N, C-alpha and C. Protein backbone atom coordinates (compact mmCIF):
# COMPACT_ATOMS: atom_id res chain seq x y z
N MET A 1 81.89 111.61 97.70
CA MET A 1 83.61 111.62 97.04
C MET A 1 84.57 111.84 98.25
N GLU A 2 85.55 110.76 98.16
CA GLU A 2 86.89 110.71 99.28
C GLU A 2 87.40 111.90 98.98
N LYS A 3 87.64 112.87 99.77
CA LYS A 3 88.47 113.82 100.38
C LYS A 3 89.75 113.96 100.22
N ILE A 4 90.65 114.57 99.42
CA ILE A 4 92.02 114.71 99.64
C ILE A 4 92.79 115.64 99.63
N HIS A 5 93.82 115.62 101.00
CA HIS A 5 94.20 117.40 101.43
C HIS A 5 95.34 117.37 100.07
N ILE A 6 94.95 118.83 99.76
CA ILE A 6 95.57 119.37 98.25
C ILE A 6 96.89 120.28 98.85
N LYS A 7 97.77 120.09 98.41
CA LYS A 7 98.52 120.98 98.63
C LYS A 7 98.98 121.88 97.52
N LEU A 8 98.76 122.83 97.81
CA LEU A 8 99.23 124.30 96.12
C LEU A 8 100.53 123.98 95.52
N GLU A 9 101.42 123.71 96.60
CA GLU A 9 102.56 123.84 95.87
C GLU A 9 103.27 122.48 95.11
N GLU A 10 102.26 121.25 95.41
CA GLU A 10 102.13 119.84 95.13
C GLU A 10 101.75 120.21 93.77
N VAL A 11 100.38 120.48 93.65
CA VAL A 11 99.73 120.73 92.51
C VAL A 11 100.41 121.65 91.19
N VAL A 12 100.84 122.84 91.70
CA VAL A 12 102.09 123.41 91.07
C VAL A 12 102.73 122.84 90.12
N ALA A 13 104.12 122.01 90.97
CA ALA A 13 104.58 121.00 90.30
C ALA A 13 104.28 120.16 89.44
N ASP A 14 102.72 119.54 89.52
CA ASP A 14 102.32 118.81 88.83
C ASP A 14 102.19 119.44 87.66
N ILE A 15 101.55 120.59 87.57
CA ILE A 15 101.45 121.30 85.92
C ILE A 15 102.52 121.45 85.18
N ARG A 16 103.38 122.20 86.43
CA ARG A 16 104.84 122.42 85.60
C ARG A 16 105.75 120.87 84.94
N ALA A 17 105.18 119.75 85.62
CA ALA A 17 105.86 118.73 85.09
C ALA A 17 105.08 118.39 83.48
N GLY A 18 103.58 118.68 83.39
CA GLY A 18 103.51 118.30 82.43
C GLY A 18 101.88 117.70 82.68
N VAL A 19 101.82 117.28 83.69
CA VAL A 19 100.26 116.60 84.15
C VAL A 19 99.11 117.38 83.57
N ASP A 20 98.21 116.66 82.67
CA ASP A 20 97.27 117.39 82.34
C ASP A 20 95.92 117.43 83.01
N TYR A 21 94.87 118.06 82.48
CA TYR A 21 93.52 118.19 83.53
C TYR A 21 93.32 116.63 83.97
N SER A 22 93.08 115.81 83.25
CA SER A 22 93.18 114.37 83.88
C SER A 22 93.67 114.00 84.82
N GLY A 23 95.00 113.61 84.62
CA GLY A 23 95.76 113.75 85.61
C GLY A 23 95.60 113.79 86.59
N LEU A 24 95.39 115.75 86.85
CA LEU A 24 95.08 116.46 88.15
C LEU A 24 93.86 115.70 89.04
N MET A 25 93.07 115.26 88.15
CA MET A 25 91.48 115.01 88.36
C MET A 25 91.58 113.52 89.07
N ARG A 26 92.55 112.86 88.14
CA ARG A 26 92.47 111.26 89.04
C ARG A 26 93.42 111.66 90.45
N LYS A 27 94.47 112.33 90.44
CA LYS A 27 95.13 112.29 91.38
C LYS A 27 94.47 112.77 92.71
N TYR A 28 93.80 114.10 92.63
CA TYR A 28 93.56 114.99 93.37
C TYR A 28 91.65 114.13 93.43
N ASN A 29 91.17 113.47 93.04
CA ASN A 29 90.13 113.16 93.40
C ASN A 29 89.09 114.49 92.64
N LEU A 30 89.15 114.85 91.82
CA LEU A 30 88.47 116.28 91.58
C LEU A 30 87.24 116.17 90.45
N THR A 31 86.26 116.78 90.63
CA THR A 31 84.98 116.78 89.54
C THR A 31 85.84 117.82 88.71
N PHE A 32 85.30 118.22 87.47
CA PHE A 32 85.97 118.94 86.60
C PHE A 32 85.74 120.60 87.39
N LYS A 33 84.27 120.28 88.21
CA LYS A 33 84.09 122.05 88.86
C LYS A 33 85.66 122.02 89.81
N GLY A 34 85.38 120.65 90.58
CA GLY A 34 86.75 120.75 91.68
C GLY A 34 88.12 121.92 90.77
N LEU A 35 88.18 120.75 89.58
CA LEU A 35 89.61 121.23 89.23
C LEU A 35 89.43 123.08 89.09
N LEU A 36 88.14 123.48 88.48
CA LEU A 36 88.22 124.93 87.93
C LEU A 36 88.55 125.71 89.35
N ASN A 37 88.15 124.70 90.65
CA ASN A 37 87.93 125.78 91.83
C ASN A 37 89.71 125.82 92.23
N LEU A 38 90.45 124.47 91.84
CA LEU A 38 91.73 124.86 92.31
C LEU A 38 92.69 125.24 91.53
N TYR A 39 92.33 125.37 90.13
CA TYR A 39 93.20 126.65 89.57
C TYR A 39 92.82 128.07 89.82
N GLN A 40 91.87 128.05 90.38
CA GLN A 40 91.57 129.73 90.73
C GLN A 40 92.07 130.02 92.30
N ARG A 41 92.22 128.92 93.07
CA ARG A 41 93.34 128.90 94.07
C ARG A 41 94.66 129.18 93.56
N ILE A 42 95.48 128.33 92.95
CA ILE A 42 96.51 128.94 92.46
C ILE A 42 96.62 130.42 91.94
N GLU A 43 95.66 130.40 91.26
CA GLU A 43 95.83 131.78 90.73
C GLU A 43 95.73 133.21 91.87
N GLU A 44 94.78 132.55 92.80
CA GLU A 44 94.80 133.74 93.67
C GLU A 44 96.25 133.76 94.77
N SER A 45 96.97 132.58 94.64
CA SER A 45 98.01 132.28 95.19
C SER A 45 99.37 133.40 94.59
N GLY A 46 98.98 133.26 93.20
CA GLY A 46 100.13 133.82 92.47
C GLY A 46 101.06 132.76 91.87
N ALA A 47 100.88 131.48 92.20
CA ALA A 47 102.18 130.91 92.22
C ALA A 47 102.66 130.72 90.77
N LEU A 48 101.66 130.89 89.46
CA LEU A 48 101.81 130.59 88.41
C LEU A 48 101.83 132.35 87.47
N VAL A 49 101.81 133.18 88.16
CA VAL A 49 102.03 134.43 87.78
C VAL A 49 103.17 134.47 86.88
N GLY A 50 102.74 135.22 85.58
CA GLY A 50 103.77 135.44 84.47
C GLY A 50 103.62 133.89 83.42
N GLU A 51 102.76 133.04 83.37
CA GLU A 51 102.81 131.52 83.33
C GLU A 51 101.44 131.11 82.64
N PRO A 52 100.63 132.33 82.23
CA PRO A 52 99.40 131.93 82.57
C PRO A 52 99.13 131.19 80.31
N THR A 53 99.83 131.37 79.85
CA THR A 53 99.74 130.88 78.28
C THR A 53 100.21 129.97 78.39
N GLU A 54 101.16 129.11 79.09
CA GLU A 54 102.10 127.81 79.16
C GLU A 54 101.01 127.01 80.06
N TYR A 55 100.50 127.40 81.24
CA TYR A 55 99.41 126.94 81.89
C TYR A 55 98.29 127.10 81.73
N PRO A 56 97.27 127.19 81.19
CA PRO A 56 96.07 128.18 81.23
C PRO A 56 94.99 127.35 81.82
N ARG A 57 94.25 128.52 82.36
CA ARG A 57 93.37 127.73 83.48
C ARG A 57 92.10 127.12 82.67
N PRO A 58 91.41 125.74 82.68
CA PRO A 58 90.49 125.11 82.25
C PRO A 58 89.16 125.79 81.84
N SER A 59 88.68 125.30 80.61
CA SER A 59 87.50 126.50 80.60
C SER A 59 86.22 124.83 80.39
N VAL A 60 84.91 125.27 80.29
CA VAL A 60 84.10 124.20 80.18
C VAL A 60 84.25 123.51 78.84
N ASP A 61 84.94 124.09 77.84
CA ASP A 61 85.23 123.23 76.39
C ASP A 61 86.59 122.59 76.42
N SER A 62 87.28 122.83 77.62
CA SER A 62 88.82 122.08 77.85
C SER A 62 88.24 120.35 77.55
N PRO A 63 88.93 119.84 76.76
CA PRO A 63 88.80 118.38 76.80
C PRO A 63 89.81 117.83 77.53
N LEU A 64 89.25 116.48 78.53
CA LEU A 64 89.91 115.95 79.15
C LEU A 64 90.52 114.29 78.21
N HIS A 65 91.46 113.79 78.63
CA HIS A 65 92.16 113.12 78.13
C HIS A 65 92.46 111.99 78.96
N ILE A 66 92.13 110.46 78.31
CA ILE A 66 93.02 109.19 78.53
C ILE A 66 93.98 108.92 77.81
N ARG A 67 94.91 108.27 78.51
CA ARG A 67 96.37 108.18 77.72
C ARG A 67 96.65 106.85 77.96
N ASN A 68 97.38 106.21 76.95
CA ASN A 68 98.15 104.96 76.99
C ASN A 68 99.58 104.87 78.18
N GLN A 69 98.90 104.11 79.11
CA GLN A 69 99.79 104.42 80.21
C GLN A 69 101.59 104.08 79.66
N PHE A 70 101.91 103.29 78.67
CA PHE A 70 103.36 103.00 78.34
C PHE A 70 103.60 104.25 77.59
N THR A 71 102.80 104.87 76.43
CA THR A 71 103.58 105.70 75.67
C THR A 71 102.80 106.88 75.84
N GLY A 72 101.94 107.67 76.96
CA GLY A 72 101.55 108.77 77.08
C GLY A 72 100.14 109.30 76.19
N GLU A 73 100.27 108.27 74.63
CA GLU A 73 99.44 108.21 73.48
C GLU A 73 98.17 108.72 74.12
N ILE A 74 97.42 109.57 73.45
CA ILE A 74 95.72 110.06 73.61
C ILE A 74 94.82 108.75 73.05
N LEU A 75 94.12 108.00 73.90
CA LEU A 75 93.47 107.20 73.53
C LEU A 75 91.81 107.62 73.17
N TYR A 76 91.67 109.10 73.91
CA TYR A 76 90.50 109.25 73.66
C TYR A 76 90.22 111.03 74.34
N SER A 77 89.84 111.62 73.77
CA SER A 77 89.70 112.77 74.16
C SER A 77 88.29 113.70 74.02
N ALA A 78 87.86 114.32 75.34
CA ALA A 78 86.53 114.94 75.38
C ALA A 78 86.07 115.56 76.48
N PRO A 79 85.53 116.96 76.07
CA PRO A 79 85.13 117.54 77.48
C PRO A 79 84.18 116.73 78.07
N ALA A 80 84.21 116.52 79.10
CA ALA A 80 83.43 116.01 80.25
C ALA A 80 83.39 116.52 82.09
N ALA A 81 82.36 116.23 82.36
CA ALA A 81 82.45 116.32 84.05
C ALA A 81 83.28 115.99 84.38
N GLY A 82 84.06 114.78 83.99
CA GLY A 82 84.68 114.07 85.28
C GLY A 82 85.51 112.81 84.41
N VAL A 83 86.50 112.32 85.12
CA VAL A 83 86.81 110.99 84.47
C VAL A 83 85.53 109.89 84.23
N LYS A 84 84.85 109.80 85.21
CA LYS A 84 84.18 108.42 85.01
C LYS A 84 83.36 108.93 83.76
N ASP A 85 82.51 109.93 83.53
CA ASP A 85 82.00 110.66 82.49
C ASP A 85 82.79 110.41 81.07
N LEU A 86 83.83 110.60 81.25
CA LEU A 86 85.08 110.77 79.76
C LEU A 86 84.78 109.21 79.60
N VAL A 87 85.18 108.21 80.57
CA VAL A 87 85.20 107.24 80.28
C VAL A 87 83.96 106.05 79.55
N GLU A 88 83.04 106.79 80.41
CA GLU A 88 81.31 105.84 79.68
C GLU A 88 81.40 106.59 78.53
N LYS A 89 81.86 107.88 78.17
CA LYS A 89 81.66 108.71 76.57
C LYS A 89 82.20 107.85 75.52
N ALA A 90 83.54 107.18 76.13
CA ALA A 90 84.58 107.00 75.26
C ALA A 90 83.86 105.15 75.20
N VAL A 91 83.81 104.86 75.78
CA VAL A 91 82.76 102.92 75.65
C VAL A 91 81.76 103.19 75.08
N LEU A 92 80.56 104.28 74.87
CA LEU A 92 79.70 104.76 74.50
C LEU A 92 80.32 104.61 73.02
N ALA A 93 81.03 105.57 72.93
CA ALA A 93 81.66 105.50 71.15
C ALA A 93 82.82 104.45 70.36
N GLY A 94 82.23 103.47 71.08
CA GLY A 94 83.17 102.16 71.12
C GLY A 94 85.33 102.16 71.40
N VAL A 95 85.39 103.21 71.93
CA VAL A 95 86.81 103.51 71.99
C VAL A 95 87.56 102.24 72.60
N ASP A 96 88.53 101.73 71.98
CA ASP A 96 89.53 100.82 72.48
C ASP A 96 90.35 101.23 73.70
N LEU A 97 89.94 101.13 74.92
CA LEU A 97 90.59 101.39 75.68
C LEU A 97 92.07 100.84 76.57
N ALA A 98 92.63 99.87 75.42
CA ALA A 98 93.53 98.81 75.59
C ALA A 98 95.01 99.72 75.98
N GLU A 99 95.58 99.42 77.75
CA GLU A 99 96.55 100.23 77.93
C GLU A 99 96.27 101.05 78.67
N ALA A 100 95.01 101.78 78.97
CA ALA A 100 94.63 103.05 79.55
C ALA A 100 95.24 103.21 81.13
N ASP A 101 95.67 104.34 81.13
CA ASP A 101 96.29 104.91 82.55
C ASP A 101 94.81 105.50 83.39
N LEU A 102 94.43 104.79 84.12
CA LEU A 102 93.61 105.39 84.75
C LEU A 102 93.39 105.14 86.36
N THR A 103 94.73 105.29 86.66
CA THR A 103 95.18 105.32 87.82
C THR A 103 94.61 105.95 89.18
N LYS A 104 94.02 105.48 89.76
CA LYS A 104 93.43 105.93 90.87
C LYS A 104 92.01 106.63 90.69
N ALA A 105 91.47 106.30 89.41
CA ALA A 105 90.33 107.19 88.98
C ALA A 105 88.72 106.74 89.79
N ASN A 106 88.18 107.67 89.99
CA ASN A 106 87.28 107.56 90.53
C ASN A 106 86.22 107.58 89.36
N LEU A 107 86.01 106.24 89.12
CA LEU A 107 84.67 105.73 88.29
C LEU A 107 83.14 105.18 89.17
N PHE A 108 83.05 105.57 90.35
CA PHE A 108 81.60 105.34 91.23
C PHE A 108 80.50 105.38 90.44
N GLY A 109 79.87 104.24 90.15
CA GLY A 109 78.66 104.41 89.63
C GLY A 109 78.62 104.37 88.07
N ILE A 110 79.72 104.28 87.33
CA ILE A 110 79.82 104.28 86.21
C ILE A 110 79.05 103.06 85.59
N GLN A 111 78.54 103.19 84.44
CA GLN A 111 78.06 102.24 83.58
C GLN A 111 78.21 102.50 82.26
N ALA A 112 79.26 101.41 82.05
CA ALA A 112 80.37 101.24 80.70
C ALA A 112 79.91 99.72 80.62
N PRO A 113 79.09 98.84 80.47
CA PRO A 113 79.34 97.05 79.78
C PRO A 113 79.87 96.98 78.63
N GLY A 114 80.75 96.15 78.20
CA GLY A 114 81.22 96.13 77.06
C GLY A 114 82.40 96.91 77.18
N ALA A 115 83.48 97.43 78.28
CA ALA A 115 84.19 98.34 78.14
C ALA A 115 85.25 97.68 77.74
N LYS A 116 86.11 98.23 76.85
CA LYS A 116 87.65 96.89 76.40
C LYS A 116 88.93 98.16 77.29
N LEU A 117 89.05 97.41 78.29
CA LEU A 117 90.16 97.84 79.23
C LEU A 117 91.55 96.91 79.61
N GLN A 118 91.59 96.02 78.18
CA GLN A 118 92.60 95.26 78.34
C GLN A 118 94.05 95.54 78.98
N GLU A 119 94.64 95.17 79.43
CA GLU A 119 96.11 95.61 80.12
C GLU A 119 95.77 97.01 80.27
N SER A 120 95.09 97.88 81.03
CA SER A 120 95.01 98.79 81.42
C SER A 120 94.89 98.81 82.61
N MET A 121 95.89 100.27 83.53
CA MET A 121 96.24 100.67 84.72
C MET A 121 95.00 101.25 85.52
N LEU A 122 94.31 100.18 86.58
CA LEU A 122 93.25 101.14 87.41
C LEU A 122 93.68 100.83 89.14
N PHE A 123 94.74 100.43 89.29
CA PHE A 123 95.59 100.57 90.56
C PHE A 123 94.77 101.55 91.42
N ALA A 124 93.94 101.16 92.26
CA ALA A 124 93.26 101.70 93.42
C ALA A 124 92.44 102.80 93.09
N ALA A 125 91.85 102.38 92.09
CA ALA A 125 90.64 102.89 91.44
C ALA A 125 89.24 102.29 91.78
N ASN A 126 88.28 103.73 92.15
CA ASN A 126 87.04 103.41 92.66
C ASN A 126 85.66 102.93 92.11
N ILE A 127 85.50 101.71 91.64
CA ILE A 127 84.66 101.09 90.22
C ILE A 127 83.51 100.84 91.43
N ARG A 128 83.02 100.94 92.29
CA ARG A 128 81.99 100.61 93.72
C ARG A 128 80.86 100.95 92.73
N LYS A 129 79.40 100.30 92.92
CA LYS A 129 78.27 100.34 92.56
C LYS A 129 78.32 100.58 90.68
N ALA A 130 79.24 99.85 90.34
CA ALA A 130 79.38 100.28 88.95
C ALA A 130 78.45 99.19 87.95
N ASP A 131 78.36 99.33 86.75
CA ASP A 131 77.91 98.01 85.62
C ASP A 131 78.78 98.34 84.80
N MET A 132 79.48 97.06 84.57
CA MET A 132 80.29 96.87 84.00
C MET A 132 81.02 95.29 83.55
N SER A 133 79.50 94.49 83.03
CA SER A 133 79.22 93.82 82.54
C SER A 133 79.81 93.02 81.07
N ARG A 134 80.46 92.00 80.73
CA ARG A 134 80.85 91.62 79.39
C ARG A 134 82.04 92.85 78.84
N SER A 135 82.97 93.29 80.13
CA SER A 135 83.74 94.14 79.95
C SER A 135 84.87 93.66 79.61
N LEU A 136 86.40 93.84 78.89
CA LEU A 136 87.53 93.11 78.89
C LEU A 136 88.41 93.86 79.73
N PHE A 137 88.58 93.06 81.06
CA PHE A 137 90.43 93.49 81.66
C PHE A 137 91.29 92.57 81.52
N PHE A 138 91.27 91.97 80.41
CA PHE A 138 92.74 90.77 80.66
C PHE A 138 93.99 91.77 81.23
N ARG A 139 94.67 91.05 82.20
CA ARG A 139 96.08 91.31 82.54
C ARG A 139 95.74 93.04 83.01
N ALA A 140 94.57 93.13 83.41
CA ALA A 140 94.31 94.79 83.79
C ALA A 140 95.47 95.01 84.93
N GLU A 141 95.58 95.82 85.51
CA GLU A 141 95.76 96.00 86.76
C GLU A 141 94.83 96.99 87.62
N LEU A 142 94.45 95.90 88.92
CA LEU A 142 92.93 96.40 89.59
C LEU A 142 93.55 96.14 91.03
N GLY A 143 94.95 96.50 91.67
CA GLY A 143 95.60 96.12 92.56
C GLY A 143 94.94 97.24 93.80
N GLN A 144 94.27 96.81 94.78
CA GLN A 144 93.61 97.81 95.84
C GLN A 144 92.69 98.44 95.22
N ALA A 145 92.15 98.06 94.05
CA ALA A 145 90.59 99.26 93.71
C ALA A 145 89.80 98.50 94.18
N ARG A 146 88.28 99.27 94.12
CA ARG A 146 87.44 98.63 95.42
C ARG A 146 86.55 98.83 93.98
N LEU A 147 86.20 97.45 94.27
CA LEU A 147 84.60 96.95 93.02
C LEU A 147 83.72 96.74 93.45
N SER A 148 83.46 96.61 94.89
CA SER A 148 82.06 96.49 95.66
C SER A 148 80.81 96.75 95.32
N GLU A 149 79.64 96.20 95.39
CA GLU A 149 78.56 95.99 95.29
C GLU A 149 78.30 96.89 93.48
N SER A 150 78.97 95.91 92.40
CA SER A 150 78.94 96.14 90.78
C SER A 150 78.18 95.00 90.59
N THR A 151 78.25 95.21 89.18
CA THR A 151 77.88 93.99 88.23
C THR A 151 79.32 94.01 87.54
N PHE A 152 79.66 92.56 87.60
CA PHE A 152 80.37 92.23 86.12
C PHE A 152 80.44 90.89 86.03
N ARG A 153 79.08 90.66 85.54
CA ARG A 153 78.84 89.41 84.76
C ARG A 153 79.03 89.01 83.38
N LYS A 154 79.85 88.21 83.36
CA LYS A 154 81.07 87.94 82.36
C LYS A 154 82.04 88.44 81.55
N VAL A 155 82.64 89.22 82.62
CA VAL A 155 83.77 90.02 82.37
C VAL A 155 84.98 89.18 82.49
N ASP A 156 85.86 89.46 81.35
CA ASP A 156 86.97 88.55 81.03
C ASP A 156 87.84 89.60 81.90
N MET A 157 88.29 88.96 83.44
CA MET A 157 89.61 89.44 84.08
C MET A 157 90.49 88.37 83.70
N ALA A 158 90.38 87.63 82.91
CA ALA A 158 92.38 86.81 82.92
C ALA A 158 93.20 87.26 83.23
N GLU A 159 94.26 86.71 83.89
CA GLU A 159 95.45 87.31 84.42
C GLU A 159 95.52 88.41 84.80
N ALA A 160 94.39 89.03 85.39
CA ALA A 160 94.26 90.38 85.84
C ALA A 160 95.18 90.34 87.46
N ASN A 161 95.42 91.46 87.79
CA ASN A 161 95.76 91.60 89.15
C ASN A 161 94.47 92.28 90.33
N LEU A 162 94.28 91.67 91.12
CA LEU A 162 92.92 91.85 91.90
C LEU A 162 93.64 92.30 93.28
N ASN A 163 95.20 91.89 93.53
CA ASN A 163 95.57 91.60 95.15
C ASN A 163 95.18 93.01 95.90
N THR A 164 94.52 92.40 96.75
CA THR A 164 93.77 93.13 98.01
C THR A 164 92.64 94.22 97.20
N ALA A 165 92.20 93.69 96.60
CA ALA A 165 91.09 94.56 95.97
C ALA A 165 89.61 93.82 96.90
N ASP A 166 88.82 95.00 96.74
CA ASP A 166 87.47 94.95 97.41
C ASP A 166 86.50 94.48 96.29
N LEU A 167 86.01 93.15 96.00
CA LEU A 167 85.27 92.75 95.19
C LEU A 167 83.59 92.12 96.17
N SER A 168 83.41 92.73 97.22
CA SER A 168 82.49 92.04 98.13
C SER A 168 80.95 92.40 97.52
N SER A 169 80.17 91.94 97.88
CA SER A 169 78.63 91.63 97.22
C SER A 169 78.77 92.34 95.72
N SER A 170 79.48 91.67 94.66
CA SER A 170 79.59 92.07 93.52
C SER A 170 79.27 91.12 92.78
N ASP A 171 78.61 90.96 91.29
CA ASP A 171 78.14 89.89 90.80
C ASP A 171 79.17 89.56 89.80
N PHE A 172 79.62 88.59 89.80
CA PHE A 172 80.64 88.28 88.62
C PHE A 172 80.39 86.88 87.81
N THR A 173 78.95 86.34 87.79
CA THR A 173 78.47 85.66 87.05
C THR A 173 79.14 85.05 85.84
N GLY A 174 79.78 83.78 85.90
CA GLY A 174 79.76 83.56 84.48
C GLY A 174 81.28 84.36 83.75
N ALA A 175 81.80 85.35 84.95
CA ALA A 175 83.07 85.64 84.48
C ALA A 175 84.34 85.01 84.79
N VAL A 176 85.60 85.29 83.57
CA VAL A 176 86.43 84.56 83.33
C VAL A 176 87.54 85.45 83.91
N LEU A 177 88.32 84.19 84.63
CA LEU A 177 89.10 84.88 85.97
C LEU A 177 90.55 83.88 86.29
N THR A 178 90.31 83.30 84.66
CA THR A 178 91.62 82.64 84.98
C THR A 178 92.71 82.80 84.90
N ARG A 179 93.66 82.32 85.76
CA ARG A 179 95.10 82.79 86.24
C ARG A 179 95.35 84.22 86.99
N ALA A 180 93.76 84.26 87.32
CA ALA A 180 93.97 85.67 88.06
C ALA A 180 94.63 85.57 89.71
N ASN A 181 95.14 87.02 89.92
CA ASN A 181 95.52 87.28 91.37
C ASN A 181 94.81 88.05 92.07
N LEU A 182 93.97 86.89 93.15
CA LEU A 182 92.96 87.64 93.72
C LEU A 182 93.39 87.09 95.22
N ASP A 183 94.77 87.40 95.54
CA ASP A 183 95.52 87.21 96.92
C ASP A 183 95.18 88.14 97.63
N GLY A 184 94.70 88.36 98.92
CA GLY A 184 94.03 89.08 100.03
C GLY A 184 93.23 90.25 99.65
N ALA A 185 92.29 89.65 98.96
CA ALA A 185 91.20 90.38 98.15
C ALA A 185 90.18 90.13 99.13
N ASN A 186 88.90 90.70 99.36
CA ASN A 186 87.74 90.89 100.06
C ASN A 186 86.33 90.67 99.34
N LEU A 187 86.11 89.00 99.26
CA LEU A 187 85.61 88.24 98.28
C LEU A 187 83.94 88.04 99.09
N GLU A 188 83.83 89.06 100.15
CA GLU A 188 82.91 88.61 100.71
C GLU A 188 81.20 88.74 100.28
N ASN A 189 80.54 87.52 100.39
CA ASN A 189 79.50 87.71 99.68
C ASN A 189 79.73 88.08 98.14
N THR A 190 80.31 87.83 97.87
CA THR A 190 80.39 87.66 95.72
C THR A 190 80.04 86.51 95.66
N ASN A 191 79.43 87.11 94.28
CA ASN A 191 78.78 85.92 93.81
C ASN A 191 79.55 85.53 92.60
N PHE A 192 80.20 84.22 92.38
CA PHE A 192 80.93 83.38 91.22
C PHE A 192 80.45 82.49 90.30
N GLU A 193 79.02 82.68 90.69
CA GLU A 193 78.46 81.33 90.00
C GLU A 193 78.68 81.29 88.53
N GLY A 194 79.20 80.39 88.19
CA GLY A 194 79.53 79.52 87.14
C GLY A 194 80.98 80.23 86.11
N ALA A 195 81.87 80.83 87.54
CA ALA A 195 82.89 81.75 86.65
C ALA A 195 83.73 80.49 86.51
N ASP A 196 85.05 81.03 85.78
CA ASP A 196 86.12 79.87 85.44
C ASP A 196 87.02 80.82 86.19
N LEU A 197 87.51 80.08 87.27
CA LEU A 197 88.72 80.69 88.07
C LEU A 197 90.12 79.40 87.68
N THR A 198 89.77 79.20 86.84
CA THR A 198 91.32 77.96 86.76
C THR A 198 92.18 78.99 86.53
N GLU A 199 93.47 77.94 87.95
CA GLU A 199 94.67 78.59 88.07
C GLU A 199 94.81 79.73 88.60
N ALA A 200 93.71 80.42 89.32
CA ALA A 200 93.59 81.57 90.18
C ALA A 200 93.98 81.27 91.35
N ARG A 201 94.77 82.71 92.05
CA ARG A 201 95.38 82.68 93.45
C ARG A 201 93.94 82.96 94.36
N LEU A 202 93.98 82.74 95.60
CA LEU A 202 93.20 83.52 96.43
C LEU A 202 93.22 83.24 97.91
N ILE A 203 94.76 83.20 97.89
CA ILE A 203 95.48 83.16 99.31
C ILE A 203 95.27 84.03 100.16
N ASN A 204 94.71 83.91 101.27
CA ASN A 204 94.51 84.99 102.46
C ASN A 204 93.30 86.12 101.77
N SER A 205 92.48 85.76 101.31
CA SER A 205 91.17 86.19 100.67
C SER A 205 90.23 85.82 101.72
N ASN A 206 89.36 86.51 101.86
CA ASN A 206 88.25 87.48 102.43
C ASN A 206 86.92 86.34 102.08
N LEU A 207 86.80 84.90 102.26
CA LEU A 207 85.56 84.40 101.09
C LEU A 207 83.78 83.90 101.99
N THR A 208 84.25 84.75 103.17
CA THR A 208 83.14 84.51 103.98
C THR A 208 81.47 85.04 102.95
N GLY A 209 80.94 83.80 102.54
CA GLY A 209 79.71 84.06 102.06
C GLY A 209 79.70 84.33 100.78
N ALA A 210 80.93 83.87 99.82
CA ALA A 210 81.24 83.77 98.57
C ALA A 210 80.54 82.62 98.04
N ASP A 211 79.94 82.60 97.27
CA ASP A 211 79.13 81.59 96.02
C ASP A 211 79.80 81.68 95.09
N PHE A 212 80.62 80.20 94.85
CA PHE A 212 81.10 79.25 93.88
C PHE A 212 80.42 78.64 93.20
N SER A 213 78.66 78.42 93.22
CA SER A 213 78.62 77.71 92.65
C SER A 213 78.55 77.19 90.99
N GLY A 214 78.80 76.41 90.54
CA GLY A 214 78.74 75.75 89.31
C GLY A 214 80.12 76.16 88.52
N ALA A 215 81.28 76.91 89.87
CA ALA A 215 82.57 77.21 89.15
C ALA A 215 83.44 76.65 88.41
N THR A 216 84.44 76.88 88.12
CA THR A 216 85.37 76.17 87.70
C THR A 216 86.75 76.33 88.56
N LEU A 217 87.39 75.74 89.52
CA LEU A 217 88.56 76.19 90.26
C LEU A 217 89.91 74.99 90.03
N THR A 218 89.85 74.48 88.72
CA THR A 218 90.85 73.58 88.30
C THR A 218 92.20 74.56 88.58
N GLY A 219 93.21 73.63 89.36
CA GLY A 219 94.16 74.58 89.53
C GLY A 219 94.22 75.56 90.55
N ALA A 220 93.24 75.88 91.08
CA ALA A 220 93.12 77.46 92.12
C ALA A 220 93.80 76.76 93.40
N VAL A 221 94.24 78.10 93.52
CA VAL A 221 94.95 77.49 94.90
C VAL A 221 94.36 78.60 96.12
N ILE A 222 93.57 77.91 97.07
CA ILE A 222 92.90 78.50 98.06
C ILE A 222 93.03 78.79 99.41
N GLU A 223 93.85 79.69 100.27
CA GLU A 223 94.11 79.64 101.33
C GLU A 223 95.48 78.48 101.58
N GLY A 224 96.06 78.67 100.15
CA GLY A 224 96.94 77.75 100.09
C GLY A 224 96.91 76.12 99.85
N LEU A 225 95.65 76.22 99.72
CA LEU A 225 95.13 74.26 99.34
C LEU A 225 95.04 74.58 97.58
N ASP A 226 95.86 73.32 96.87
CA ASP A 226 95.77 73.37 95.62
C ASP A 226 94.55 72.81 95.43
N PHE A 227 93.59 73.68 94.54
CA PHE A 227 92.38 72.70 93.46
C PHE A 227 92.54 72.01 92.91
N SER A 228 93.06 70.92 92.67
CA SER A 228 93.00 70.02 91.40
C SER A 228 92.21 70.01 90.15
N VAL A 229 90.76 69.89 90.59
CA VAL A 229 89.90 69.52 89.71
C VAL A 229 88.86 70.68 90.20
N THR A 230 87.43 70.13 88.96
CA THR A 230 86.46 71.70 89.02
C THR A 230 85.50 70.61 89.96
N ILE A 231 85.21 71.98 90.87
CA ILE A 231 84.35 71.73 91.79
C ILE A 231 82.81 72.08 91.37
N ASP A 232 81.93 71.30 91.51
CA ASP A 232 80.53 72.02 91.04
C ASP A 232 79.91 72.73 91.78
N ARG A 233 80.19 73.07 93.06
CA ARG A 233 79.71 73.99 94.11
C ARG A 233 80.79 73.94 95.38
N PHE A 234 80.82 75.36 95.51
CA PHE A 234 81.91 75.53 96.65
C PHE A 234 81.45 76.69 97.08
N LYS A 235 80.65 77.03 98.20
CA LYS A 235 80.33 77.90 99.15
C LYS A 235 80.81 77.96 100.70
N THR A 236 81.43 78.92 100.76
CA THR A 236 81.88 79.03 102.26
C THR A 236 80.47 79.60 103.43
């Protein structure tokens, strides 16, 4: 797990500003155990002395929340070991996570095929070594996200923003990426066999070893070139 230098005063400010447990875990890349340790450090520092009722220390039964990025409404809530586990539980329960705020979420290794994450916020999220086949990411924000070495077979990422994202060595067989923004993305050794990239943007993307066998690239812009016809096979 990527380590982030944590300043207690910043965390305390976030807590007082109403950032919930899940938000703290995403921002500071923490497991629930890490969150408990962080609260212990805060208590030892005395930064929230006199405020225990308003800002309680989390317990193993404390629920984590997935919220709507626009309204703040809770889309799903449950005790979980981390944000990845929380999302897996939500998907298993069939919860629609449209417009979810998962900014910078650590979803490394997540197994959540069929997830409904349309128009969700996943900016700079870690979705490496994951299985999200058949999931819905229509118009999702995935800029700077890490999606390498993952399975996204038959995923719907139409109109999604994947600017400068890392999709290297992932499987997008049969995926829908119509009008998706892949400018500056790392697509090295990525499999797009049979994928639909109609009108997609791939300007300044790394296409080394990428496989577009049978992919539709009608109107796609690759390295500044406008592909106006369907290409049966395109492999760099």
